[in-house]
PDB file of N, CA and C in Angstrom:
ATOM      1  N   UNK A   1    -223.638  80.354   0.641  1.00  0.00           N
ATOM      2  CA  UNK A   1    -222.273  80.179   0.267  1.00  0.00           C
ATOM      3  C   UNK A   1    -221.907  81.308  -0.704  1.00  0.00           C
ATOM      4  N   UNK A   2    -220.761  81.881  -0.437  1.00  0.00           N
ATOM      5  CA  UNK A   2    -220.343  83.013  -1.257  1.00  0.00           C
ATOM      6  C   UNK A   2    -219.654  82.567  -2.535  1.00  0.00           C
ATOM      7  N   UNK A   3    -219.420  83.577  -3.399  1.00  0.00           N
ATOM      8  CA  UNK A   3    -218.763  83.294  -4.674  1.00  0.00           C
ATOM      9  C   UNK A   3    -217.359  82.733  -4.473  1.00  0.00           C
ATOM     10  N   UNK A   4    -216.634  83.297  -3.556  1.00  0.00           N
ATOM     11  CA  UNK A   4    -215.247  82.888  -3.320  1.00  0.00           C
ATOM     12  C   UNK A   4    -215.213  81.473  -2.732  1.00  0.00           C
ATOM     13  N   UNK A   5    -216.080  81.176  -1.797  1.00  0.00           N
ATOM     14  CA  UNK A   5    -216.133  79.847  -1.186  1.00  0.00           C
ATOM     15  C   UNK A   5    -216.493  78.796  -2.228  1.00  0.00           C
ATOM     16  N   UNK A   6    -217.420  79.091  -3.088  1.00  0.00           N
ATOM     17  CA  UNK A   6    -217.810  78.160  -4.151  1.00  0.00           C
ATOM     18  C   UNK A   6    -216.671  77.892  -5.114  1.00  0.00           C
ATOM     19  N   UNK A   7    -215.926  78.946  -5.467  1.00  0.00           N
ATOM     20  CA  UNK A   7    -214.800  78.784  -6.375  1.00  0.00           C
ATOM     21  C   UNK A   7    -213.679  77.968  -5.726  1.00  0.00           C
ATOM     22  N   UNK A   8    -213.432  78.207  -4.447  1.00  0.00           N
ATOM     23  CA  UNK A   8    -212.406  77.440  -3.727  1.00  0.00           C
ATOM     24  C   UNK A   8    -212.810  75.963  -3.650  1.00  0.00           C
ATOM     25  N   UNK A   9    -214.078  75.697  -3.341  1.00  0.00           N
ATOM     26  CA  UNK A   9    -214.579  74.329  -3.269  1.00  0.00           C
ATOM     27  C   UNK A   9    -214.459  73.639  -4.633  1.00  0.00           C
ATOM     28  N   UNK A  10    -214.808  74.322  -5.691  1.00  0.00           N
ATOM     29  CA  UNK A  10    -214.696  73.775  -7.033  1.00  0.00           C
ATOM     30  C   UNK A  10    -213.236  73.506  -7.390  1.00  0.00           C
ATOM     31  N   UNK A  11    -212.332  74.404  -7.011  1.00  0.00           N
ATOM     32  CA  UNK A  11    -210.902  74.213  -7.283  1.00  0.00           C
ATOM     33  C   UNK A  11    -210.361  73.002  -6.533  1.00  0.00           C
ATOM     34  N   UNK A  12    -210.799  72.809  -5.283  1.00  0.00           N
ATOM     35  CA  UNK A  12    -210.360  71.658  -4.491  1.00  0.00           C
ATOM     36  C   UNK A  12    -210.860  70.363  -5.125  1.00  0.00           C
ATOM     37  N   UNK A  13    -212.102  70.341  -5.572  1.00  0.00           N
ATOM     38  CA  UNK A  13    -212.661  69.136  -6.204  1.00  0.00           C
ATOM     39  C   UNK A  13    -211.903  68.812  -7.489  1.00  0.00           C
ATOM     40  N   UNK A  14    -211.618  69.822  -8.294  1.00  0.00           N
ATOM     41  CA  UNK A  14    -210.871  69.609  -9.537  1.00  0.00           C
ATOM     42  C   UNK A  14    -209.457  69.119  -9.228  1.00  0.00           C
ATOM     43  N   UNK A  15    -208.821  69.662  -8.200  1.00  0.00           N
ATOM     44  CA  UNK A  15    -207.473  69.236  -7.825  1.00  0.00           C
ATOM     45  C   UNK A  15    -207.483  67.778  -7.346  1.00  0.00           C
ATOM     46  N   UNK A  16    -208.497  67.389  -6.572  1.00  0.00           N
ATOM     47  CA  UNK A  16    -208.596  65.996  -6.106  1.00  0.00           C
ATOM     48  C   UNK A  16    -208.831  65.036  -7.273  1.00  0.00           C
ATOM     49  N   UNK A  17    -209.668  65.437  -8.195  1.00  0.00           N
ATOM     50  CA  UNK A  17    -209.923  64.584  -9.355  1.00  0.00           C
ATOM     51  C   UNK A  17    -208.658  64.431 -10.211  1.00  0.00           C
ATOM     52  N   UNK A  18    -207.930  65.505 -10.394  1.00  0.00           N
ATOM     53  CA  UNK A  18    -206.696  65.452 -11.180  1.00  0.00           C
ATOM     54  C   UNK A  18    -205.655  64.570 -10.502  1.00  0.00           C
ATOM     55  N   UNK A  19    -205.505  64.699  -9.182  1.00  0.00           N
ATOM     56  CA  UNK A  19    -204.521  63.883  -8.470  1.00  0.00           C
ATOM     57  C   UNK A  19    -204.917  62.405  -8.502  1.00  0.00           C
ATOM     58  N   UNK A  20    -206.205  62.120  -8.405  1.00  0.00           N
ATOM     59  CA  UNK A  20    -206.675  60.736  -8.493  1.00  0.00           C
ATOM     60  C   UNK A  20    -206.397  60.165  -9.877  1.00  0.00           C
ATOM     61  N   UNK A  21    -206.610  60.948 -10.924  1.00  0.00           N
ATOM     62  CA  UNK A  21    -206.359  60.505 -12.295  1.00  0.00           C
ATOM     63  C   UNK A  21    -204.865  60.216 -12.492  1.00  0.00           C
ATOM     64  N   UNK A  22    -204.009  61.106 -11.980  1.00  0.00           N
ATOM     65  CA  UNK A  22    -202.563  60.921 -12.101  1.00  0.00           C
ATOM     66  C   UNK A  22    -202.126  59.665 -11.345  1.00  0.00           C
ATOM     67  N   UNK A  23    -202.657  59.461 -10.152  1.00  0.00           N
ATOM     68  CA  UNK A  23    -202.320  58.283  -9.359  1.00  0.00           C
ATOM     69  C   UNK A  23    -202.748  57.005 -10.083  1.00  0.00           C
ATOM     70  N   UNK A  24    -203.945  57.004 -10.656  1.00  0.00           N
ATOM     71  CA  UNK A  24    -204.437  55.828 -11.365  1.00  0.00           C
ATOM     72  C   UNK A  24    -203.591  55.538 -12.600  1.00  0.00           C
ATOM     73  N   UNK A  25    -203.186  56.552 -13.330  1.00  0.00           N
ATOM     74  CA  UNK A  25    -202.350  56.364 -14.514  1.00  0.00           C
ATOM     75  C   UNK A  25    -200.980  55.795 -14.125  1.00  0.00           C
ATOM     76  N   UNK A  26    -200.414  56.278 -13.056  1.00  0.00           N
ATOM     77  CA  UNK A  26    -199.118  55.796 -12.605  1.00  0.00           C
ATOM     78  C   UNK A  26    -199.220  54.356 -12.103  1.00  0.00           C
ATOM     79  N   UNK A  27    -200.311  54.023 -11.431  1.00  0.00           N
ATOM     80  CA  UNK A  27    -200.487  52.669 -10.913  1.00  0.00           C
ATOM     81  C   UNK A  27    -200.640  51.658 -12.046  1.00  0.00           C
ATOM     82  N   UNK A  28    -201.356  52.008 -13.122  1.00  0.00           N
ATOM     83  CA  UNK A  28    -201.513  51.073 -14.232  1.00  0.00           C
ATOM     84  C   UNK A  28    -200.243  50.968 -15.061  1.00  0.00           C
ATOM     85  N   UNK A  29    -199.424  51.998 -15.081  1.00  0.00           N
ATOM     86  CA  UNK A  29    -198.173  51.950 -15.835  1.00  0.00           C
ATOM     87  C   UNK A  29    -197.176  51.006 -15.173  1.00  0.00           C
ATOM     88  N   UNK A  30    -197.233  50.873 -13.863  1.00  0.00           N
ATOM     89  CA  UNK A  30    -196.305  50.018 -13.120  1.00  0.00           C
ATOM     90  C   UNK A  30    -196.944  48.713 -12.664  1.00  0.00           C
ATOM     91  N   UNK A  31    -198.078  48.358 -13.237  1.00  0.00           N
ATOM     92  CA  UNK A  31    -198.793  47.162 -12.788  1.00  0.00           C
ATOM     93  C   UNK A  31    -198.031  45.905 -13.180  1.00  0.00           C
ATOM     94  N   UNK A  32    -198.010  44.939 -12.283  1.00  0.00           N
ATOM     95  CA  UNK A  32    -197.394  43.644 -12.549  1.00  0.00           C
ATOM     96  C   UNK A  32    -198.492  42.660 -12.943  1.00  0.00           C
ATOM     97  N   UNK A  33    -198.161  41.667 -13.745  1.00  0.00           N
ATOM     98  CA  UNK A  33    -199.177  40.668 -14.083  1.00  0.00           C
ATOM     99  C   UNK A  33    -199.588  39.893 -12.840  1.00  0.00           C
ATOM    100  N   UNK A  34    -200.854  39.626 -12.735  1.00  0.00           N
ATOM    101  CA  UNK A  34    -201.376  38.896 -11.593  1.00  0.00           C
ATOM    102  C   UNK A  34    -201.896  37.551 -12.056  1.00  0.00           C
ATOM    103  N   UNK A  35    -201.847  36.583 -11.149  1.00  0.00           N
ATOM    104  CA  UNK A  35    -202.386  35.271 -11.462  1.00  0.00           C
ATOM    105  C   UNK A  35    -203.899  35.359 -11.340  1.00  0.00           C
ATOM    106  N   UNK A  36    -204.570  35.123 -12.432  1.00  0.00           N
ATOM    107  CA  UNK A  36    -206.022  35.178 -12.450  1.00  0.00           C
ATOM    108  C   UNK A  36    -206.580  33.787 -12.197  1.00  0.00           C
ATOM    109  N   UNK A  37    -207.851  33.734 -11.937  1.00  0.00           N
ATOM    110  CA  UNK A  37    -208.514  32.460 -11.710  1.00  0.00           C
ATOM    111  C   UNK A  37    -208.389  31.598 -12.959  1.00  0.00           C
ATOM    112  N   UNK A  38    -207.994  30.369 -12.801  1.00  0.00           N
ATOM    113  CA  UNK A  38    -207.872  29.466 -13.927  1.00  0.00           C
ATOM    114  C   UNK A  38    -206.464  29.326 -14.460  1.00  0.00           C
ATOM    115  N   UNK A  39    -205.560  30.174 -14.036  1.00  0.00           N
ATOM    116  CA  UNK A  39    -204.176  30.054 -14.467  1.00  0.00           C
ATOM    117  C   UNK A  39    -203.402  29.247 -13.433  1.00  0.00           C
ATOM    118  N   UNK A  40    -202.563  28.308 -13.873  1.00  0.00           N
ATOM    119  CA  UNK A  40    -201.848  27.470 -12.912  1.00  0.00           C
ATOM    120  C   UNK A  40    -200.795  28.249 -12.138  1.00  0.00           C
ATOM    121  N   UNK A  41    -200.709  27.958 -10.865  1.00  0.00           N
ATOM    122  CA  UNK A  41    -199.679  28.571 -10.030  1.00  0.00           C
ATOM    123  C   UNK A  41    -198.345  27.856 -10.231  1.00  0.00           C
ATOM    124  N   UNK A  42    -198.404  26.583 -10.584  1.00  0.00           N
ATOM    125  CA  UNK A  42    -197.203  25.821 -10.884  1.00  0.00           C
ATOM    126  C   UNK A  42    -197.559  24.737 -11.895  1.00  0.00           C
ATOM    127  N   UNK A  43    -196.517  24.127 -12.461  1.00  0.00           N
ATOM    128  CA  UNK A  43    -196.718  23.076 -13.457  1.00  0.00           C
ATOM    129  C   UNK A  43    -195.958  21.843 -13.025  1.00  0.00           C
ATOM    130  N   UNK A  44    -196.528  20.682 -13.334  1.00  0.00           N
ATOM    131  CA  UNK A  44    -195.876  19.418 -13.074  1.00  0.00           C
ATOM    132  C   UNK A  44    -195.941  18.600 -14.359  1.00  0.00           C
ATOM    133  N   UNK A  45    -195.029  17.655 -14.519  1.00  0.00           N
ATOM    134  CA  UNK A  45    -194.925  16.921 -15.767  1.00  0.00           C
ATOM    135  C   UNK A  45    -195.003  15.424 -15.518  1.00  0.00           C
ATOM    136  N   UNK A  46    -195.803  14.737 -16.330  1.00  0.00           N
ATOM    137  CA  UNK A  46    -195.877  13.283 -16.298  1.00  0.00           C
ATOM    138  C   UNK A  46    -195.123  12.757 -17.507  1.00  0.00           C
ATOM    139  N   UNK A  47    -194.158  11.854 -17.307  1.00  0.00           N
ATOM    140  CA  UNK A  47    -193.405  11.322 -18.440  1.00  0.00           C
ATOM    141  C   UNK A  47    -194.312  10.604 -19.440  1.00  0.00           C
ATOM    142  N   UNK A  48    -193.957  10.655 -20.702  1.00  0.00           N
ATOM    143  CA  UNK A  48    -194.742  10.005 -21.743  1.00  0.00           C
ATOM    144  C   UNK A  48    -194.768   8.494 -21.520  1.00  0.00           C
ATOM    145  N   UNK A  49    -193.714   7.948 -20.912  1.00  0.00           N
ATOM    146  CA  UNK A  49    -193.648   6.502 -20.670  1.00  0.00           C
ATOM    147  C   UNK A  49    -194.724   6.017 -19.700  1.00  0.00           C
ATOM    148  N   UNK A  50    -195.321   6.910 -18.929  1.00  0.00           N
ATOM    149  CA  UNK A  50    -196.398   6.523 -18.024  1.00  0.00           C
ATOM    150  C   UNK A  50    -197.673   6.198 -18.771  1.00  0.00           C
ATOM    151  N   UNK A  51    -197.771   6.582 -20.021  1.00  0.00           N
ATOM    152  CA  UNK A  51    -198.950   6.266 -20.815  1.00  0.00           C
ATOM    153  C   UNK A  51    -199.998   7.358 -20.751  1.00  0.00           C
ATOM    154  N   UNK A  52    -201.224   6.949 -21.003  1.00  0.00           N
ATOM    155  CA  UNK A  52    -202.348   7.882 -21.091  1.00  0.00           C
ATOM    156  C   UNK A  52    -202.971   8.151 -19.722  1.00  0.00           C
ATOM    157  N   UNK A  53    -203.515   9.330 -19.589  1.00  0.00           N
ATOM    158  CA  UNK A  53    -204.269   9.706 -18.388  1.00  0.00           C
ATOM    159  C   UNK A  53    -205.568   8.913 -18.383  1.00  0.00           C
ATOM    160  N   UNK A  54    -205.865   8.246 -17.266  1.00  0.00           N
ATOM    161  CA  UNK A  54    -207.078   7.436 -17.153  1.00  0.00           C
ATOM    162  C   UNK A  54    -208.170   8.198 -16.415  1.00  0.00           C
ATOM    163  N   UNK A  55    -207.811   8.876 -15.335  1.00  0.00           N
ATOM    164  CA  UNK A  55    -208.800   9.595 -14.547  1.00  0.00           C
ATOM    165  C   UNK A  55    -208.212  10.009 -13.210  1.00  0.00           C
ATOM    166  N   UNK A  56    -209.093  10.469 -12.337  1.00  0.00           N
ATOM    167  CA  UNK A  56    -208.645  10.878 -11.009  1.00  0.00           C
ATOM    168  C   UNK A  56    -209.806  10.780 -10.029  1.00  0.00           C
ATOM    169  N   UNK A  57    -209.454  10.726  -8.765  1.00  0.00           N
ATOM    170  CA  UNK A  57    -210.448  10.767  -7.703  1.00  0.00           C
ATOM    171  C   UNK A  57    -209.795  11.392  -6.481  1.00  0.00           C
ATOM    172  N   UNK A  58    -210.614  11.844  -5.555  1.00  0.00           N
ATOM    173  CA  UNK A  58    -210.040  12.491  -4.374  1.00  0.00           C
ATOM    174  C   UNK A  58    -209.342  11.490  -3.472  1.00  0.00           C
ATOM    175  N   UNK A  59    -209.720  10.207  -3.534  1.00  0.00           N
ATOM    176  CA  UNK A  59    -209.105   9.201  -2.673  1.00  0.00           C
ATOM    177  C   UNK A  59    -207.834   8.605  -3.261  1.00  0.00           C
ATOM    178  N   UNK A  60    -207.800   8.393  -4.578  1.00  0.00           N
ATOM    179  CA  UNK A  60    -206.678   7.696  -5.194  1.00  0.00           C
ATOM    180  C   UNK A  60    -205.736   8.600  -5.970  1.00  0.00           C
ATOM    181  N   UNK A  61    -206.134   9.797  -6.268  1.00  0.00           N
ATOM    182  CA  UNK A  61    -205.278  10.718  -6.990  1.00  0.00           C
ATOM    183  C   UNK A  61    -205.437  10.602  -8.492  1.00  0.00           C
ATOM    184  N   UNK A  62    -204.378  10.931  -9.211  1.00  0.00           N
ATOM    185  CA  UNK A  62    -204.371  10.920 -10.665  1.00  0.00           C
ATOM    186  C   UNK A  62    -203.829   9.572 -11.133  1.00  0.00           C
ATOM    187  N   UNK A  63    -204.454   8.996 -12.188  1.00  0.00           N
ATOM    188  CA  UNK A  63    -204.075   7.659 -12.648  1.00  0.00           C
ATOM    189  C   UNK A  63    -203.652   7.702 -14.112  1.00  0.00           C
ATOM    190  N   UNK A  64    -202.535   7.004 -14.411  1.00  0.00           N
ATOM    191  CA  UNK A  64    -202.033   6.843 -15.775  1.00  0.00           C
ATOM    192  C   UNK A  64    -201.923   5.354 -16.067  1.00  0.00           C
ATOM    193  N   UNK A  65    -202.157   4.954 -17.343  1.00  0.00           N
ATOM    194  CA  UNK A  65    -202.023   3.558 -17.758  1.00  0.00           C
ATOM    195  C   UNK A  65    -201.144   3.494 -19.004  1.00  0.00           C
ATOM    196  N   UNK A  66    -200.092   2.650 -18.953  1.00  0.00           N
ATOM    197  CA  UNK A  66    -199.217   2.515 -20.116  1.00  0.00           C
ATOM    198  C   UNK A  66    -199.687   1.375 -21.013  1.00  0.00           C
ATOM    199  N   UNK A  67    -198.919   1.078 -22.084  1.00  0.00           N
ATOM    200  CA  UNK A  67    -199.309   0.060 -23.065  1.00  0.00           C
ATOM    201  C   UNK A  67    -199.327  -1.348 -22.488  1.00  0.00           C
ATOM    202  N   UNK A  68    -198.521  -1.620 -21.456  1.00  0.00           N
ATOM    203  CA  UNK A  68    -198.473  -2.943 -20.833  1.00  0.00           C
ATOM    204  C   UNK A  68    -199.599  -3.138 -19.817  1.00  0.00           C
ATOM    205  N   UNK A  69    -200.391  -2.121 -19.575  1.00  0.00           N
ATOM    206  CA  UNK A  69    -201.489  -2.228 -18.625  1.00  0.00           C
ATOM    207  C   UNK A  69    -201.134  -1.804 -17.211  1.00  0.00           C
ATOM    208  N   UNK A  70    -199.929  -1.313 -16.995  1.00  0.00           N
ATOM    209  CA  UNK A  70    -199.503  -0.863 -15.673  1.00  0.00           C
ATOM    210  C   UNK A  70    -200.233   0.423 -15.308  1.00  0.00           C
ATOM    211  N   UNK A  71    -200.803   0.433 -14.117  1.00  0.00           N
ATOM    212  CA  UNK A  71    -201.479   1.626 -13.598  1.00  0.00           C
ATOM    213  C   UNK A  71    -200.566   2.324 -12.613  1.00  0.00           C
ATOM    214  N   UNK A  72    -200.459   3.632 -12.735  1.00  0.00           N
ATOM    215  CA  UNK A  72    -199.646   4.432 -11.809  1.00  0.00           C
ATOM    216  C   UNK A  72    -200.542   5.474 -11.156  1.00  0.00           C
ATOM    217  N   UNK A  73    -200.561   5.467  -9.824  1.00  0.00           N
ATOM    218  CA  UNK A  73    -201.373   6.407  -9.050  1.00  0.00           C
ATOM    219  C   UNK A  73    -200.460   7.462  -8.446  1.00  0.00           C
ATOM    220  N   UNK A  74    -200.832   8.712  -8.604  1.00  0.00           N
ATOM    221  CA  UNK A  74    -200.060   9.828  -8.071  1.00  0.00           C
ATOM    222  C   UNK A  74    -200.966  10.610  -7.127  1.00  0.00           C
ATOM    223  N   UNK A  75    -200.560  10.725  -5.870  1.00  0.00           N
ATOM    224  CA  UNK A  75    -201.391  11.438  -4.898  1.00  0.00           C
ATOM    225  C   UNK A  75    -200.852  12.819  -4.560  1.00  0.00           C
ATOM    226  N   UNK A  76    -199.541  12.977  -4.498  1.00  0.00           N
ATOM    227  CA  UNK A  76    -198.944  14.272  -4.165  1.00  0.00           C
ATOM    228  C   UNK A  76    -198.168  14.780  -5.373  1.00  0.00           C
ATOM    229  N   UNK A  77    -198.621  15.888  -5.934  1.00  0.00           N
ATOM    230  CA  UNK A  77    -197.984  16.444  -7.115  1.00  0.00           C
ATOM    231  C   UNK A  77    -197.163  17.654  -6.697  1.00  0.00           C
ATOM    232  N   UNK A  78    -195.855  17.604  -6.965  1.00  0.00           N
ATOM    233  CA  UNK A  78    -194.960  18.703  -6.625  1.00  0.00           C
ATOM    234  C   UNK A  78    -194.817  19.635  -7.824  1.00  0.00           C
ATOM    235  N   UNK A  79    -194.494  20.879  -7.573  1.00  0.00           N
ATOM    236  CA  UNK A  79    -194.336  21.867  -8.644  1.00  0.00           C
ATOM    237  C   UNK A  79    -193.010  21.691  -9.370  1.00  0.00           C
ATOM    238  N   UNK A  80    -193.051  21.864 -10.688  1.00  0.00           N
ATOM    239  CA  UNK A  80    -191.877  21.904 -11.561  1.00  0.00           C
ATOM    240  C   UNK A  80    -191.020  20.642 -11.509  1.00  0.00           C
ATOM    241  N   UNK A  81    -191.584  19.501 -11.120  1.00  0.00           N
ATOM    242  CA  UNK A  81    -190.842  18.246 -11.094  1.00  0.00           C
ATOM    243  C   UNK A  81    -191.740  17.119 -11.590  1.00  0.00           C
ATOM    244  N   UNK A  82    -191.148  15.952 -11.742  1.00  0.00           N
ATOM    245  CA  UNK A  82    -191.933  14.758 -12.043  1.00  0.00           C
ATOM    246  C   UNK A  82    -192.505  14.241 -10.734  1.00  0.00           C
ATOM    247  N   UNK A  83    -193.817  14.026 -10.663  1.00  0.00           N
ATOM    248  CA  UNK A  83    -194.416  13.573  -9.401  1.00  0.00           C
ATOM    249  C   UNK A  83    -193.940  12.171  -9.009  1.00  0.00           C
ATOM    250  N   UNK A  84    -193.991  11.902  -7.731  1.00  0.00           N
ATOM    251  CA  UNK A  84    -193.599  10.607  -7.212  1.00  0.00           C
ATOM    252  C   UNK A  84    -194.793   9.665  -7.285  1.00  0.00           C
ATOM    253  N   UNK A  85    -194.568   8.435  -7.724  1.00  0.00           N
ATOM    254  CA  UNK A  85    -195.648   7.452  -7.854  1.00  0.00           C
ATOM    255  C   UNK A  85    -195.982   6.905  -6.473  1.00  0.00           C
ATOM    256  N   UNK A  86    -197.253   6.993  -6.087  1.00  0.00           N
ATOM    257  CA  UNK A  86    -197.685   6.491  -4.783  1.00  0.00           C
ATOM    258  C   UNK A  86    -197.974   4.994  -4.839  1.00  0.00           C
ATOM    259  N   UNK A  87    -198.507   4.515  -5.980  1.00  0.00           N
ATOM    260  CA  UNK A  87    -198.846   3.104  -6.128  1.00  0.00           C
ATOM    261  C   UNK A  87    -198.716   2.731  -7.593  1.00  0.00           C
ATOM    262  N   UNK A  88    -198.099   1.563  -7.849  1.00  0.00           N
ATOM    263  CA  UNK A  88    -197.972   1.068  -9.216  1.00  0.00           C
ATOM    264  C   UNK A  88    -198.542  -0.343  -9.249  1.00  0.00           C
ATOM    265  N   UNK A  89    -199.502  -0.574 -10.110  1.00  0.00           N
ATOM    266  CA  UNK A  89    -200.121  -1.891 -10.255  1.00  0.00           C
ATOM    267  C   UNK A  89    -199.762  -2.419 -11.635  1.00  0.00           C
ATOM    268  N   UNK A  90    -199.077  -3.567 -11.653  1.00  0.00           N
ATOM    269  CA  UNK A  90    -198.642  -4.178 -12.920  1.00  0.00           C
ATOM    270  C   UNK A  90    -199.516  -5.373 -13.245  1.00  0.00           C
ATOM    271  N   UNK A  91    -199.783  -5.578 -14.527  1.00  0.00           N
ATOM    272  CA  UNK A  91    -200.544  -6.746 -14.981  1.00  0.00           C
ATOM    273  C   UNK A  91    -199.584  -7.927 -15.118  1.00  0.00           C
ATOM    274  N   UNK A  92    -200.067  -9.107 -14.779  1.00  0.00           N
ATOM    275  CA  UNK A  92    -199.258 -10.315 -14.917  1.00  0.00           C
ATOM    276  C   UNK A  92    -199.065 -10.989 -13.569  1.00  0.00           C
ATOM    277  N   UNK A  93    -198.209 -12.001 -13.561  1.00  0.00           N
ATOM    278  CA  UNK A  93    -197.918 -12.773 -12.347  1.00  0.00           C
ATOM    279  C   UNK A  93    -196.727 -12.147 -11.629  1.00  0.00           C
ATOM    280  N   UNK A  94    -196.764 -12.116 -10.304  1.00  0.00           N
ATOM    281  CA  UNK A  94    -195.620 -11.567  -9.562  1.00  0.00           C
ATOM    282  C   UNK A  94    -194.425 -12.504  -9.659  1.00  0.00           C
ATOM    283  N   UNK A  95    -193.216 -11.918  -9.626  1.00  0.00           N
ATOM    284  CA  UNK A  95    -192.029 -12.796  -9.658  1.00  0.00           C
ATOM    285  C   UNK A  95    -191.902 -13.599  -8.370  1.00  0.00           C
ATOM    286  N   UNK A  96    -191.454 -14.868  -8.492  1.00  0.00           N
ATOM    287  CA  UNK A  96    -191.306 -15.735  -7.304  1.00  0.00           C
ATOM    288  C   UNK A  96    -189.937 -15.649  -6.742  1.00  0.00           C
TER     289      UNK A  96
END
């Protein structure tokens, strides 16, 4: 390899490295925040009147119990809204 060919090859490598550096700097300057693992994609809210969170299971969903002993089961949770109660179990005698 001659002197001129070596210099041209070195110039091309330096030009590629410089263009890659410029591209990377521009890409990070315009980067948008991304949702990382562990960050919620959406939020849902349970009213305070539902009481405390009791637990959850894959079959019954999320369970809340209020001060009167009423259990509320939620199976489908929608984003940015109050979830719909799938089952409500109240303590006491049913009305006749």
